[in-house]
Amino acid sequence: MKPSLKKDCGQRDLFRSRLDQIINMNHLLVMLSELLDWERLAQALDLIILKWDTLEFPCA
């Protein structure tokens, strides 16, 4: 007989606050982060990083 899986009710984290309880969800930066297209931003940064990695710098 397999042991039953216990449902995590958060008792182990009794003294840890959840992040959404610490952060003011009405802050302008939080609201801005909800509007950003994070996938598109990550793709754009990937292209920039790839170009940066292929640059050759002259020896000093």
PDB file of N, CA and C in Angstrom:
ATOM      1  N   MET A   1       0.847  -1.194   0.000  1.00  0.00           N
ATOM      2  CA  MET A   1       0.000   0.000   0.000  1.00  0.00           C
ATOM      3  C   MET A   1       0.883   1.244   0.000  1.00  0.00           C
ATOM      4  N   LYS A   2       0.632   2.132  -0.930  1.00  0.00           N
ATOM      5  CA  LYS A   2       1.416   3.357  -1.035  1.00  0.00           C
ATOM      6  C   LYS A   2       0.931   4.382  -0.014  1.00  0.00           C
ATOM      7  N   PRO A   3       1.843   5.177   0.509  1.00  0.00           N
ATOM      8  CA  PRO A   3       1.406   6.237   1.432  1.00  0.00           C
ATOM      9  C   PRO A   3       0.628   7.306   0.674  1.00  0.00           C
ATOM     10  N   SER A   4      -0.349   7.849   1.322  1.00  0.00           N
ATOM     11  CA  SER A   4      -1.147   8.897   0.678  1.00  0.00           C
ATOM     12  C   SER A   4      -0.354  10.196   0.645  1.00  0.00           C
ATOM     13  N   LEU A   5      -0.551  10.952  -0.405  1.00  0.00           N
ATOM     14  CA  LEU A   5       0.114  12.242  -0.524  1.00  0.00           C
ATOM     15  C   LEU A   5      -0.588  13.256   0.360  1.00  0.00           C
ATOM     16  N   LYS A   6       0.217  13.945   1.134  1.00  0.00           N
ATOM     17  CA  LYS A   6      -0.360  14.964   2.006  1.00  0.00           C
ATOM     18  C   LYS A   6      -0.535  16.255   1.230  1.00  0.00           C
ATOM     19  N   LYS A   7      -1.630  16.875   1.416  1.00  0.00           N
ATOM     20  CA  LYS A   7      -1.886  18.161   0.780  1.00  0.00           C
ATOM     21  C   LYS A   7      -1.149  19.235   1.577  1.00  0.00           C
ATOM     22  N   ASP A   8      -0.368  20.046   0.873  1.00  0.00           N
ATOM     23  CA  ASP A   8       0.401  21.095   1.533  1.00  0.00           C
ATOM     24  C   ASP A   8      -0.543  22.221   1.939  1.00  0.00           C
ATOM     25  N   CYS A   9      -0.685  22.396   3.219  1.00  0.00           N
ATOM     26  CA  CYS A   9      -1.586  23.453   3.702  1.00  0.00           C
ATOM     27  C   CYS A   9      -0.811  24.660   4.206  1.00  0.00           C
ATOM     28  N   GLY A  10       0.511  24.647   4.039  1.00  0.00           N
ATOM     29  CA  GLY A  10       1.303  25.805   4.419  1.00  0.00           C
ATOM     30  C   GLY A  10       1.679  25.865   5.879  1.00  0.00           C
ATOM     31  N   GLN A  11       1.441  24.809   6.630  1.00  0.00           N
ATOM     32  CA  GLN A  11       1.762  24.847   8.051  1.00  0.00           C
ATOM     33  C   GLN A  11       3.262  24.919   8.296  1.00  0.00           C
ATOM     34  N   ARG A  12       4.058  24.328   7.389  1.00  0.00           N
ATOM     35  CA  ARG A  12       5.508  24.403   7.562  1.00  0.00           C
ATOM     36  C   ARG A  12       5.998  25.835   7.405  1.00  0.00           C
ATOM     37  N   ASP A  13       5.299  26.632   6.655  1.00  0.00           N
ATOM     38  CA  ASP A  13       5.694  28.009   6.397  1.00  0.00           C
ATOM     39  C   ASP A  13       4.892  28.981   7.264  1.00  0.00           C
ATOM     40  N   LEU A  14       4.673  28.592   8.494  1.00  0.00           N
ATOM     41  CA  LEU A  14       3.833  29.389   9.386  1.00  0.00           C
ATOM     42  C   LEU A  14       4.351  30.813   9.551  1.00  0.00           C
ATOM     43  N   PHE A  15       5.673  30.980   9.602  1.00  0.00           N
ATOM     44  CA  PHE A  15       6.241  32.301   9.843  1.00  0.00           C
ATOM     45  C   PHE A  15       6.768  32.956   8.578  1.00  0.00           C
ATOM     46  N   ARG A  16       6.503  32.366   7.432  1.00  0.00           N
ATOM     47  CA  ARG A  16       6.890  32.969   6.156  1.00  0.00           C
ATOM     48  C   ARG A  16       5.686  33.640   5.539  1.00  0.00           C
ATOM     49  N   SER A  17       5.904  34.854   5.107  1.00  0.00           N
ATOM     50  CA  SER A  17       4.831  35.585   4.432  1.00  0.00           C
ATOM     51  C   SER A  17       4.880  35.286   2.945  1.00  0.00           C
ATOM     52  N   ARG A  18       3.728  35.224   2.334  1.00  0.00           N
ATOM     53  CA  ARG A  18       3.681  35.069   0.887  1.00  0.00           C
ATOM     54  C   ARG A  18       4.080  36.391   0.254  1.00  0.00           C
ATOM     55  N   LEU A  19       4.692  36.302  -0.934  1.00  0.00           N
ATOM     56  CA  LEU A  19       5.203  37.486  -1.601  1.00  0.00           C
ATOM     57  C   LEU A  19       4.089  38.491  -1.891  1.00  0.00           C
ATOM     58  N   ASP A  20       2.918  38.011  -2.266  1.00  0.00           N
ATOM     59  CA  ASP A  20       1.823  38.939  -2.568  1.00  0.00           C
ATOM     60  C   ASP A  20       1.281  39.620  -1.314  1.00  0.00           C
ATOM     61  N   GLN A  21       1.654  39.125  -0.135  1.00  0.00           N
ATOM     62  CA  GLN A  21       1.264  39.795   1.102  1.00  0.00           C
ATOM     63  C   GLN A  21       2.289  40.852   1.501  1.00  0.00           C
ATOM     64  N   ILE A  22       3.503  40.729   0.972  1.00  0.00           N
ATOM     65  CA  ILE A  22       4.562  41.679   1.294  1.00  0.00           C
ATOM     66  C   ILE A  22       4.530  42.863   0.337  1.00  0.00           C
ATOM     67  N   ILE A  23       4.297  42.573  -0.943  1.00  0.00           N
ATOM     68  CA  ILE A  23       4.336  43.603  -1.979  1.00  0.00           C
ATOM     69  C   ILE A  23       2.992  44.299  -2.083  1.00  0.00           C
ATOM     70  N   ASN A  24       3.049  45.605  -2.246  1.00  0.00           N
ATOM     71  CA  ASN A  24       1.837  46.386  -2.485  1.00  0.00           C
ATOM     72  C   ASN A  24       1.418  46.169  -3.939  1.00  0.00           C
ATOM     73  N   MET A  25       0.371  45.382  -4.150  1.00  0.00           N
ATOM     74  CA  MET A  25      -0.047  45.015  -5.498  1.00  0.00           C
ATOM     75  C   MET A  25      -0.632  46.203  -6.265  1.00  0.00           C
ATOM     76  N   ASN A  26      -0.883  47.324  -5.597  1.00  0.00           N
ATOM     77  CA  ASN A  26      -1.379  48.523  -6.258  1.00  0.00           C
ATOM     78  C   ASN A  26      -0.264  49.504  -6.600  1.00  0.00           C
ATOM     79  N   HIS A  27       0.974  49.120  -6.350  1.00  0.00           N
ATOM     80  CA  HIS A  27       2.104  49.981  -6.670  1.00  0.00           C
ATOM     81  C   HIS A  27       2.225  50.105  -8.192  1.00  0.00           C
ATOM     82  N   LEU A  28       2.664  51.274  -8.648  1.00  0.00           N
ATOM     83  CA  LEU A  28       2.741  51.525 -10.087  1.00  0.00           C
ATOM     84  C   LEU A  28       3.656  50.541 -10.815  1.00  0.00           C
ATOM     85  N   LEU A  29       4.772  50.181 -10.200  1.00  0.00           N
ATOM     86  CA  LEU A  29       5.688  49.247 -10.854  1.00  0.00           C
ATOM     87  C   LEU A  29       5.089  47.844 -10.955  1.00  0.00           C
ATOM     88  N   VAL A  30       4.309  47.453  -9.974  1.00  0.00           N
ATOM     89  CA  VAL A  30       3.631  46.155 -10.041  1.00  0.00           C
ATOM     90  C   VAL A  30       2.601  46.172 -11.167  1.00  0.00           C
ATOM     91  N   MET A  31       1.848  47.251 -11.263  1.00  0.00           N
ATOM     92  CA  MET A  31       0.852  47.344 -12.325  1.00  0.00           C
ATOM     93  C   MET A  31       1.521  47.399 -13.697  1.00  0.00           C
ATOM     94  N   LEU A  32       2.668  48.086 -13.802  1.00  0.00           N
ATOM     95  CA  LEU A  32       3.404  48.131 -15.056  1.00  0.00           C
ATOM     96  C   LEU A  32       3.890  46.739 -15.442  1.00  0.00           C
ATOM     97  N   SER A  33       4.362  45.978 -14.470  1.00  0.00           N
ATOM     98  CA  SER A  33       4.862  44.637 -14.764  1.00  0.00           C
ATOM     99  C   SER A  33       3.764  43.723 -15.293  1.00  0.00           C
ATOM    100  N   GLU A  34       2.534  43.991 -14.914  1.00  0.00           N
ATOM    101  CA  GLU A  34       1.416  43.194 -15.419  1.00  0.00           C
ATOM    102  C   GLU A  34       1.081  43.551 -16.864  1.00  0.00           C
ATOM    103  N   LEU A  35       1.464  44.740 -17.306  1.00  0.00           N
ATOM    104  CA  LEU A  35       1.176  45.174 -18.671  1.00  0.00           C
ATOM    105  C   LEU A  35       2.248  44.742 -19.670  1.00  0.00           C
ATOM    106  N   LEU A  36       3.451  44.451 -19.177  1.00  0.00           N
ATOM    107  CA  LEU A  36       4.560  44.109 -20.065  1.00  0.00           C
ATOM    108  C   LEU A  36       4.360  42.740 -20.710  1.00  0.00           C
ATOM    109  N   ASP A  37       4.787  42.652 -21.959  1.00  0.00           N
ATOM    110  CA  ASP A  37       4.810  41.378 -22.665  1.00  0.00           C
ATOM    111  C   ASP A  37       6.180  40.762 -22.407  1.00  0.00           C
ATOM    112  N   TRP A  38       6.280  39.961 -21.354  1.00  0.00           N
ATOM    113  CA  TRP A  38       7.558  39.441 -20.898  1.00  0.00           C
ATOM    114  C   TRP A  38       8.195  38.515 -21.922  1.00  0.00           C
ATOM    115  N   GLU A  39       7.405  37.747 -22.653  1.00  0.00           N
ATOM    116  CA  GLU A  39       7.946  36.852 -23.666  1.00  0.00           C
ATOM    117  C   GLU A  39       8.613  37.637 -24.785  1.00  0.00           C
ATOM    118  N   ARG A  40       7.976  38.708 -25.224  1.00  0.00           N
ATOM    119  CA  ARG A  40       8.548  39.544 -26.281  1.00  0.00           C
ATOM    120  C   ARG A  40       9.827  40.223 -25.799  1.00  0.00           C
ATOM    121  N   LEU A  41       9.836  40.674 -24.569  1.00  0.00           N
ATOM    122  CA  LEU A  41      11.020  41.298 -23.994  1.00  0.00           C
ATOM    123  C   LEU A  41      12.180  40.303 -23.918  1.00  0.00           C
ATOM    124  N   ALA A  42      11.889  39.082 -23.503  1.00  0.00           N
ATOM    125  CA  ALA A  42      12.925  38.056 -23.413  1.00  0.00           C
ATOM    126  C   ALA A  42      13.500  37.737 -24.792  1.00  0.00           C
ATOM    127  N   GLN A  43      12.654  37.678 -25.805  1.00  0.00           N
ATOM    128  CA  GLN A  43      13.132  37.416 -27.163  1.00  0.00           C
ATOM    129  C   GLN A  43      14.026  38.550 -27.664  1.00  0.00           C
ATOM    130  N   ALA A  44      13.637  39.790 -27.388  1.00  0.00           N
ATOM    131  CA  ALA A  44      14.439  40.934 -27.813  1.00  0.00           C
ATOM    132  C   ALA A  44      15.793  40.941 -27.103  1.00  0.00           C
ATOM    133  N   LEU A  45      15.803  40.624 -25.824  1.00  0.00           N
ATOM    134  CA  LEU A  45      17.060  40.590 -25.083  1.00  0.00           C
ATOM    135  C   LEU A  45      17.943  39.440 -25.545  1.00  0.00           C
ATOM    136  N   ASP A  46      17.335  38.320 -25.925  1.00  0.00           N
ATOM    137  CA  ASP A  46      18.122  37.203 -26.452  1.00  0.00           C
ATOM    138  C   ASP A  46      18.882  37.617 -27.703  1.00  0.00           C
ATOM    139  N   LEU A  47      18.226  38.370 -28.581  1.00  0.00           N
ATOM    140  CA  LEU A  47      18.890  38.830 -29.801  1.00  0.00           C
ATOM    141  C   LEU A  47      20.049  39.761 -29.483  1.00  0.00           C
ATOM    142  N   ILE A  48      19.848  40.640 -28.534  1.00  0.00           N
ATOM    143  CA  ILE A  48      20.903  41.576 -28.144  1.00  0.00           C
ATOM    144  C   ILE A  48      22.088  40.823 -27.545  1.00  0.00           C
ATOM    145  N   ILE A  49      21.808  39.844 -26.705  1.00  0.00           N
ATOM    146  CA  ILE A  49      22.879  39.072 -26.065  1.00  0.00           C
ATOM    147  C   ILE A  49      23.637  38.259 -27.105  1.00  0.00           C
ATOM    148  N   LEU A  50      22.920  37.688 -28.075  1.00  0.00           N
ATOM    149  CA  LEU A  50      23.594  36.933 -29.135  1.00  0.00           C
ATOM    150  C   LEU A  50      24.529  37.822 -29.945  1.00  0.00           C
ATOM    151  N   LYS A  51      24.082  39.034 -30.267  1.00  0.00           N
ATOM    152  CA  LYS A  51      24.937  39.965 -31.009  1.00  0.00           C
ATOM    153  C   LYS A  51      26.147  40.363 -30.171  1.00  0.00           C
ATOM    154  N   TRP A  52      25.949  40.581 -28.897  1.00  0.00           N
ATOM    155  CA  TRP A  52      27.036  40.978 -28.004  1.00  0.00           C
ATOM    156  C   TRP A  52      28.078  39.872 -27.908  1.00  0.00           C
ATOM    157  N   ASP A  53      27.622  38.627 -27.848  1.00  0.00           N
ATOM    158  CA  ASP A  53      28.539  37.497 -27.745  1.00  0.00           C
ATOM    159  C   ASP A  53      29.386  37.308 -28.988  1.00  0.00           C
ATOM    160  N   THR A  54      28.888  37.746 -30.145  1.00  0.00           N
ATOM    161  CA  THR A  54      29.632  37.538 -31.389  1.00  0.00           C
ATOM    162  C   THR A  54      30.554  38.698 -31.720  1.00  0.00           C
ATOM    163  N   LEU A  55      30.496  39.775 -30.952  1.00  0.00           N
ATOM    164  CA  LEU A  55      31.387  40.917 -31.202  1.00  0.00           C
ATOM    165  C   LEU A  55      32.825  40.542 -30.878  1.00  0.00           C
ATOM    166  N   GLU A  56      33.725  41.017 -31.724  1.00  0.00           N
ATOM    167  CA  GLU A  56      35.142  40.801 -31.457  1.00  0.00           C
ATOM    168  C   GLU A  56      35.765  42.146 -31.078  1.00  0.00           C
ATOM    169  N   PHE A  57      36.429  42.139 -29.952  1.00  0.00           N
ATOM    170  CA  PHE A  57      37.062  43.350 -29.474  1.00  0.00           C
ATOM    171  C   PHE A  57      38.551  43.297 -29.791  1.00  0.00           C
ATOM    172  N   PRO A  58      39.121  44.424 -30.259  1.00  0.00           N
ATOM    173  CA  PRO A  58      40.566  44.430 -30.560  1.00  0.00           C
ATOM    174  C   PRO A  58      41.362  44.293 -29.267  1.00  0.00           C
ATOM    175  N   CYS A  59      42.500  43.668 -29.394  1.00  0.00           N
ATOM    176  CA  CYS A  59      43.392  43.504 -28.227  1.00  0.00           C
ATOM    177  C   CYS A  59      43.964  44.872 -27.860  1.00  0.00           C
ATOM    178  N   ALA A  60      44.114  45.088 -26.592  1.00  0.00           N
ATOM    179  CA  ALA A  60      44.639  46.381 -26.113  1.00  0.00           C
ATOM    180  C   ALA A  60      46.118  46.483 -26.278  1.00  0.00           C
TER     181      ALA A  60
END
